[in-house]
Amino acid sequence: MQLISSPSSPFVRKVRALIIEAGLTERITQTPVATTALKSDPQAVAANPMGKIPALIRDDGPALYDSRVITRYLDALAKTNLYPEGRIWEVLTLEATADAIMEACVSMTYEARLRPQTEQSPAWVEAQWTKSARGIAAINARWMSHLAGPVDMSHIAVGCALAYVDFRHDGRNWRVGNEALAAWEDAFRQRDCMAATAPADPT
């Protein structure tokens, strides 16, 4: 199998981290591409008509895309049980919260990097950050008991989301007022799958 990827994408990182957790490293080739909202890489488009990453090219079926589709497929393939049925709705809801934080923060990044300065909207950026901040605060207030439990895909998603905030928007100081979540993230980032997939700009 082949994963169309980027070392800076938090959505790709979710998949890369699961690959390590699931012991699938030897079965999946990772192919980095340079793709943006304004210019899609041809390999990304070939796998996903939207041109978005991650996309997983399989040997025995059509390519899969959207990080949550890919992670569920790989979890089922490896029988890793990162989507445990006993708490599946909690896992999916917390993963969706993390994904929404990522989406808003990626939108902030695109606004600064892809639009001319004269066309950028500070109000848009602040609206996206408000969404992210609400999501982070909700996790800190409502989800710490879940994050203290057995590791599942929502843990990985939250770790990837918070690391992306640090990576691209560290001046936002998300840890202030979210001390319990900050302590959890400091510890979780040491996990092998997280340490091995720390975000980086393409070289």
C-alpha atoms as a PDB file:
ATOM      1  CA  MET A   1       0.000   0.000   0.000  1.00  0.00           C
ATOM      2  CA  GLN A   2       1.032   3.595  -0.534  1.00  0.00           C
ATOM      3  CA  LEU A   3       0.217   6.599   1.631  1.00  0.00           C
ATOM      4  CA  ILE A   4       0.159   9.964  -0.138  1.00  0.00           C
ATOM      5  CA  SER A   5       1.393  12.236   2.605  1.00  0.00           C
ATOM      6  CA  SER A   6       3.133  15.358   3.907  1.00  0.00           C
ATOM      7  CA  PRO A   7       5.271  15.680   7.048  1.00  0.00           C
ATOM      8  CA  SER A   8       3.507  18.906   8.049  1.00  0.00           C
ATOM      9  CA  SER A   9      -0.139  17.784   7.766  1.00  0.00           C
ATOM     10  CA  PRO A  10      -1.796  16.910  11.094  1.00  0.00           C
ATOM     11  CA  PHE A  11      -4.340  14.756   9.258  1.00  0.00           C
ATOM     12  CA  VAL A  12      -1.562  12.747   7.636  1.00  0.00           C
ATOM     13  CA  ARG A  13       0.170  12.492  10.996  1.00  0.00           C
ATOM     14  CA  LYS A  14      -2.847  10.733  12.474  1.00  0.00           C
ATOM     15  CA  VAL A  15      -2.470   8.014   9.870  1.00  0.00           C
ATOM     16  CA  ARG A  16       1.305   7.824  10.217  1.00  0.00           C
ATOM     17  CA  ALA A  17       0.984   7.446  13.986  1.00  0.00           C
ATOM     18  CA  LEU A  18      -1.598   4.689  13.617  1.00  0.00           C
ATOM     19  CA  ILE A  19       0.655   2.872  11.142  1.00  0.00           C
ATOM     20  CA  ILE A  20       3.318   2.700  13.856  1.00  0.00           C
ATOM     21  CA  GLU A  21       0.841   1.676  16.569  1.00  0.00           C
ATOM     22  CA  ALA A  22      -0.592  -1.026  14.317  1.00  0.00           C
ATOM     23  CA  GLY A  23       2.784  -2.441  13.263  1.00  0.00           C
ATOM     24  CA  LEU A  24       2.101  -1.725   9.596  1.00  0.00           C
ATOM     25  CA  THR A  25       5.280   0.208   8.818  1.00  0.00           C
ATOM     26  CA  GLU A  26       6.687  -2.498   6.537  1.00  0.00           C
ATOM     27  CA  ARG A  27       3.440  -2.804   4.576  1.00  0.00           C
ATOM     28  CA  ILE A  28       2.926   0.854   3.652  1.00  0.00           C
ATOM     29  CA  THR A  29       5.174   3.088   1.560  1.00  0.00           C
ATOM     30  CA  GLN A  30       4.880   6.755   2.440  1.00  0.00           C
ATOM     31  CA  THR A  31       5.078   9.145  -0.521  1.00  0.00           C
ATOM     32  CA  PRO A  32       5.423  12.821   0.447  1.00  0.00           C
ATOM     33  CA  VAL A  33       3.900  15.355  -1.940  1.00  0.00           C
ATOM     34  CA  ALA A  34       3.719  19.149  -2.040  1.00  0.00           C
ATOM     35  CA  THR A  35       0.048  20.035  -2.299  1.00  0.00           C
ATOM     36  CA  THR A  36      -1.966  23.039  -1.140  1.00  0.00           C
ATOM     37  CA  ALA A  37      -5.503  24.366  -1.345  1.00  0.00           C
ATOM     38  CA  LEU A  38      -4.442  26.405  -4.375  1.00  0.00           C
ATOM     39  CA  LYS A  39      -2.302  23.871  -6.201  1.00  0.00           C
ATOM     40  CA  SER A  40      -3.014  20.166  -5.916  1.00  0.00           C
ATOM     41  CA  ASP A  41      -0.252  17.663  -6.497  1.00  0.00           C
ATOM     42  CA  PRO A  42      -1.029  15.281  -9.402  1.00  0.00           C
ATOM     43  CA  GLN A  43      -0.386  12.200  -7.243  1.00  0.00           C
ATOM     44  CA  ALA A  44      -2.842  13.486  -4.658  1.00  0.00           C
ATOM     45  CA  VAL A  45      -5.465  14.161  -7.349  1.00  0.00           C
ATOM     46  CA  ALA A  46      -4.964  10.703  -8.849  1.00  0.00           C
ATOM     47  CA  ALA A  47      -5.796   9.143  -5.477  1.00  0.00           C
ATOM     48  CA  ASN A  48      -8.427  11.661  -4.332  1.00  0.00           C
ATOM     49  CA  PRO A  49     -10.349  13.850  -6.825  1.00  0.00           C
ATOM     50  CA  MET A  50     -10.391  16.630  -4.199  1.00  0.00           C
ATOM     51  CA  GLY A  51      -6.595  16.612  -4.199  1.00  0.00           C
ATOM     52  CA  LYS A  52      -6.476  16.394  -0.420  1.00  0.00           C
ATOM     53  CA  ILE A  53      -4.185  14.276   1.715  1.00  0.00           C
ATOM     54  CA  PRO A  54      -3.885  11.768   3.222  1.00  0.00           C
ATOM     55  CA  ALA A  55      -4.887   9.224   0.621  1.00  0.00           C
ATOM     56  CA  LEU A  56      -4.201   5.509   0.836  1.00  0.00           C
ATOM     57  CA  ILE A  57      -3.618   3.602  -2.391  1.00  0.00           C
ATOM     58  CA  ARG A  58      -4.519  -0.029  -1.835  1.00  0.00           C
ATOM     59  CA  ASP A  59      -3.423  -3.109  -3.753  1.00  0.00           C
ATOM     60  CA  ASP A  60      -6.897  -4.640  -3.796  1.00  0.00           C
ATOM     61  CA  GLY A  61      -9.368  -1.796  -4.147  1.00  0.00           C
ATOM     62  CA  PRO A  62      -9.913   1.888  -4.856  1.00  0.00           C
ATOM     63  CA  ALA A  63      -7.900   4.462  -2.968  1.00  0.00           C
ATOM     64  CA  LEU A  64      -9.243   5.597   0.384  1.00  0.00           C
ATOM     65  CA  TYR A  65      -9.207   9.188   1.539  1.00  0.00           C
ATOM     66  CA  ASP A  66     -10.149  11.284   4.559  1.00  0.00           C
ATOM     67  CA  SER A  67      -8.025  10.552   7.592  1.00  0.00           C
ATOM     68  CA  ARG A  68     -10.870   9.002   9.593  1.00  0.00           C
ATOM     69  CA  VAL A  69     -11.712   6.594   6.782  1.00  0.00           C
ATOM     70  CA  ILE A  70      -8.073   5.543   6.462  1.00  0.00           C
ATOM     71  CA  THR A  71      -7.475   5.127  10.188  1.00  0.00           C
ATOM     72  CA  ARG A  72     -10.574   2.996  10.622  1.00  0.00           C
ATOM     73  CA  TYR A  73      -9.593   0.847   7.648  1.00  0.00           C
ATOM     74  CA  LEU A  74      -6.047   0.309   8.914  1.00  0.00           C
ATOM     75  CA  ASP A  75      -7.242  -0.334  12.456  1.00  0.00           C
ATOM     76  CA  ALA A  76      -9.606  -3.010  11.173  1.00  0.00           C
ATOM     77  CA  LEU A  77      -6.895  -4.463   8.953  1.00  0.00           C
ATOM     78  CA  ALA A  78      -4.386  -4.764  11.790  1.00  0.00           C
ATOM     79  CA  LYS A  79      -6.994  -5.555  14.470  1.00  0.00           C
ATOM     80  CA  THR A  80      -5.409  -2.916  16.701  1.00  0.00           C
ATOM     81  CA  ASN A  81      -8.714  -2.038  18.424  1.00  0.00           C
ATOM     82  CA  LEU A  82      -8.058   1.688  18.446  1.00  0.00           C
ATOM     83  CA  TYR A  83     -11.778   2.085  17.775  1.00  0.00           C
ATOM     84  CA  PRO A  84     -13.119  -0.084  20.629  1.00  0.00           C
ATOM     85  CA  GLU A  85     -16.823  -0.863  20.265  1.00  0.00           C
ATOM     86  CA  GLY A  86     -17.450  -0.425  23.987  1.00  0.00           C
ATOM     87  CA  ARG A  87     -16.798   3.302  23.769  1.00  0.00           C
ATOM     88  CA  ILE A  88     -16.968   3.902  20.032  1.00  0.00           C
ATOM     89  CA  TRP A  89     -19.215   6.971  20.178  1.00  0.00           C
ATOM     90  CA  GLU A  90     -16.947   8.697  22.676  1.00  0.00           C
ATOM     91  CA  VAL A  91     -13.886   7.863  20.570  1.00  0.00           C
ATOM     92  CA  LEU A  92     -15.477   9.185  17.386  1.00  0.00           C
ATOM     93  CA  THR A  93     -16.777  12.354  19.049  1.00  0.00           C
ATOM     94  CA  LEU A  94     -13.419  13.206  20.602  1.00  0.00           C
ATOM     95  CA  GLU A  95     -11.650  12.421  17.328  1.00  0.00           C
ATOM     96  CA  ALA A  96     -14.094  14.702  15.516  1.00  0.00           C
ATOM     97  CA  THR A  97     -13.341  17.479  18.014  1.00  0.00           C
ATOM     98  CA  ALA A  98      -9.614  17.081  17.403  1.00  0.00           C
ATOM     99  CA  ASP A  99     -10.139  17.051  13.641  1.00  0.00           C
ATOM    100  CA  ALA A 100     -12.176  20.260  13.868  1.00  0.00           C
ATOM    101  CA  ILE A 101      -9.330  21.936  15.763  1.00  0.00           C
ATOM    102  CA  MET A 102      -6.928  20.814  13.035  1.00  0.00           C
ATOM    103  CA  GLU A 103      -9.217  22.041  10.273  1.00  0.00           C
ATOM    104  CA  ALA A 104      -9.586  25.495  11.812  1.00  0.00           C
ATOM    105  CA  CYS A 105      -5.853  25.825  12.472  1.00  0.00           C
ATOM    106  CA  VAL A 106      -4.930  24.649   8.961  1.00  0.00           C
ATOM    107  CA  SER A 107      -7.335  27.282   7.638  1.00  0.00           C
ATOM    108  CA  MET A 108      -5.461  29.893   9.676  1.00  0.00           C
ATOM    109  CA  THR A 109      -2.182  28.685   8.217  1.00  0.00           C
ATOM    110  CA  TYR A 110      -3.518  28.851   4.659  1.00  0.00           C
ATOM    111  CA  GLU A 111      -4.831  32.369   5.201  1.00  0.00           C
ATOM    112  CA  ALA A 112      -1.349  33.552   6.156  1.00  0.00           C
ATOM    113  CA  ARG A 113       0.649  31.503   3.665  1.00  0.00           C
ATOM    114  CA  LEU A 114      -1.487  31.360   0.537  1.00  0.00           C
ATOM    115  CA  ARG A 115      -3.325  34.674   0.366  1.00  0.00           C
ATOM    116  CA  PRO A 116      -1.647  38.014  -0.398  1.00  0.00           C
ATOM    117  CA  GLN A 117      -1.359  40.127   2.722  1.00  0.00           C
ATOM    118  CA  THR A 118      -3.772  42.707   1.315  1.00  0.00           C
ATOM    119  CA  GLU A 119      -6.438  40.007   0.915  1.00  0.00           C
ATOM    120  CA  GLN A 120      -6.029  38.361   4.298  1.00  0.00           C
ATOM    121  CA  SER A 121      -8.865  38.647   6.812  1.00  0.00           C
ATOM    122  CA  PRO A 122      -7.843  39.047  10.457  1.00  0.00           C
ATOM    123  CA  ALA A 123     -11.496  38.540  11.402  1.00  0.00           C
ATOM    124  CA  TRP A 124     -11.520  35.187   9.614  1.00  0.00           C
ATOM    125  CA  VAL A 125      -8.323  34.114  11.380  1.00  0.00           C
ATOM    126  CA  GLU A 126      -9.701  35.087  14.777  1.00  0.00           C
ATOM    127  CA  ALA A 127     -12.959  33.269  14.083  1.00  0.00           C
ATOM    128  CA  GLN A 128     -11.028  30.103  13.289  1.00  0.00           C
ATOM    129  CA  TRP A 129      -8.933  30.470  16.418  1.00  0.00           C
ATOM    130  CA  THR A 130     -12.076  30.970  18.504  1.00  0.00           C
ATOM    131  CA  LYS A 131     -13.340  27.619  17.236  1.00  0.00           C
ATOM    132  CA  SER A 132     -10.027  25.956  18.044  1.00  0.00           C
ATOM    133  CA  ALA A 133      -9.845  27.501  21.497  1.00  0.00           C
ATOM    134  CA  ARG A 134     -13.390  26.350  22.293  1.00  0.00           C
ATOM    135  CA  GLY A 135     -12.498  22.815  21.221  1.00  0.00           C
ATOM    136  CA  ILE A 136      -9.336  22.775  23.319  1.00  0.00           C
ATOM    137  CA  ALA A 137     -11.179  24.130  26.362  1.00  0.00           C
ATOM    138  CA  ALA A 138     -13.929  21.525  25.930  1.00  0.00           C
ATOM    139  CA  ILE A 139     -11.407  18.696  25.865  1.00  0.00           C
ATOM    140  CA  ASN A 140      -9.736  20.070  29.004  1.00  0.00           C
ATOM    141  CA  ALA A 141     -13.084  20.408  30.791  1.00  0.00           C
ATOM    142  CA  ARG A 142     -14.906  17.259  29.676  1.00  0.00           C
ATOM    143  CA  TRP A 143     -12.550  14.652  28.300  1.00  0.00           C
ATOM    144  CA  MET A 144      -9.616  14.251  30.679  1.00  0.00           C
ATOM    145  CA  SER A 145     -11.027  11.070  32.229  1.00  0.00           C
ATOM    146  CA  HIS A 146     -11.242   9.532  28.754  1.00  0.00           C
ATOM    147  CA  LEU A 147      -7.696  10.615  27.911  1.00  0.00           C
ATOM    148  CA  ALA A 148      -6.538   9.000  31.162  1.00  0.00           C
ATOM    149  CA  GLY A 149      -7.874   5.646  29.967  1.00  0.00           C
ATOM    150  CA  PRO A 150      -6.569   3.074  27.474  1.00  0.00           C
ATOM    151  CA  VAL A 151      -5.098   4.606  24.321  1.00  0.00           C
ATOM    152  CA  ASP A 152      -7.446   4.751  21.354  1.00  0.00           C
ATOM    153  CA  MET A 153      -7.592   6.749  18.132  1.00  0.00           C
ATOM    154  CA  SER A 154      -9.007   9.811  19.850  1.00  0.00           C
ATOM    155  CA  HIS A 155      -5.848  10.093  21.968  1.00  0.00           C
ATOM    156  CA  ILE A 156      -3.732  10.141  18.810  1.00  0.00           C
ATOM    157  CA  ALA A 157      -6.014  12.688  17.150  1.00  0.00           C
ATOM    158  CA  VAL A 158      -5.913  15.035  20.146  1.00  0.00           C
ATOM    159  CA  GLY A 159      -2.139  14.719  20.359  1.00  0.00           C
ATOM    160  CA  CYS A 160      -1.791  15.558  16.664  1.00  0.00           C
ATOM    161  CA  ALA A 161      -4.152  18.531  16.932  1.00  0.00           C
ATOM    162  CA  LEU A 162      -2.372  20.092  19.900  1.00  0.00           C
ATOM    163  CA  ALA A 163       1.050  19.530  18.358  1.00  0.00           C
ATOM    164  CA  TYR A 164      -0.102  21.275  15.188  1.00  0.00           C
ATOM    165  CA  VAL A 165      -1.208  24.296  17.212  1.00  0.00           C
ATOM    166  CA  ASP A 166       2.297  24.396  18.707  1.00  0.00           C
ATOM    167  CA  PHE A 167       3.862  23.893  15.271  1.00  0.00           C
ATOM    168  CA  ARG A 168       2.042  26.654  13.413  1.00  0.00           C
ATOM    169  CA  HIS A 169       0.414  28.852  16.048  1.00  0.00           C
ATOM    170  CA  ASP A 170       2.559  28.630  19.171  1.00  0.00           C
ATOM    171  CA  GLY A 171       1.941  32.298  19.969  1.00  0.00           C
ATOM    172  CA  ARG A 172      -1.653  31.437  20.867  1.00  0.00           C
ATOM    173  CA  ASN A 173      -0.498  29.872  24.170  1.00  0.00           C
ATOM    174  CA  TRP A 174      -3.238  27.250  24.253  1.00  0.00           C
ATOM    175  CA  ARG A 175      -1.853  25.762  27.490  1.00  0.00           C
ATOM    176  CA  VAL A 176      -2.928  28.790  29.539  1.00  0.00           C
ATOM    177  CA  GLY A 177      -6.152  27.818  31.281  1.00  0.00           C
ATOM    178  CA  ASN A 178      -5.898  24.218  30.018  1.00  0.00           C
ATOM    179  CA  GLU A 179      -3.302  22.939  32.446  1.00  0.00           C
ATOM    180  CA  ALA A 180      -4.654  19.387  32.764  1.00  0.00           C
ATOM    181  CA  LEU A 181      -4.660  18.912  28.994  1.00  0.00           C
ATOM    182  CA  ALA A 182      -1.221  20.512  28.728  1.00  0.00           C
ATOM    183  CA  ALA A 183       0.203  18.026  31.237  1.00  0.00           C
ATOM    184  CA  TRP A 184      -1.400  15.154  29.338  1.00  0.00           C
ATOM    185  CA  GLU A 185       0.039  16.378  26.027  1.00  0.00           C
ATOM    186  CA  ASP A 186       3.520  16.768  27.505  1.00  0.00           C
ATOM    187  CA  ALA A 187       3.445  13.097  28.480  1.00  0.00           C
ATOM    188  CA  PHE A 188       1.667  11.734  25.405  1.00  0.00           C
ATOM    189  CA  ARG A 189       4.094  13.341  22.975  1.00  0.00           C
ATOM    190  CA  GLN A 190       6.750  10.949  24.314  1.00  0.00           C
ATOM    191  CA  ARG A 191       4.847   7.913  23.011  1.00  0.00           C
ATOM    192  CA  ASP A 192       6.793   6.209  20.210  1.00  0.00           C
ATOM    193  CA  CYS A 193       4.186   6.874  17.514  1.00  0.00           C
ATOM    194  CA  MET A 194       4.095  10.563  18.389  1.00  0.00           C
ATOM    195  CA  ALA A 195       7.826  11.105  18.805  1.00  0.00           C
ATOM    196  CA  ALA A 196       8.468   9.442  15.435  1.00  0.00           C
ATOM    197  CA  THR A 197       5.926  11.596  13.579  1.00  0.00           C
ATOM    198  CA  ALA A 198       6.576  15.071  14.974  1.00  0.00           C
ATOM    199  CA  PRO A 199       5.460  17.694  12.420  1.00  0.00           C
ATOM    200  CA  ALA A 200       8.064  19.237  10.136  1.00  0.00           C
ATOM    201  CA  ASP A 201       8.131  21.403   7.051  1.00  0.00           C
ATOM    202  CA  PRO A 202       8.913  19.502   3.829  1.00  0.00           C
ATOM    203  CA  THR A 203      12.585  19.610   2.851  1.00  0.00           C
END
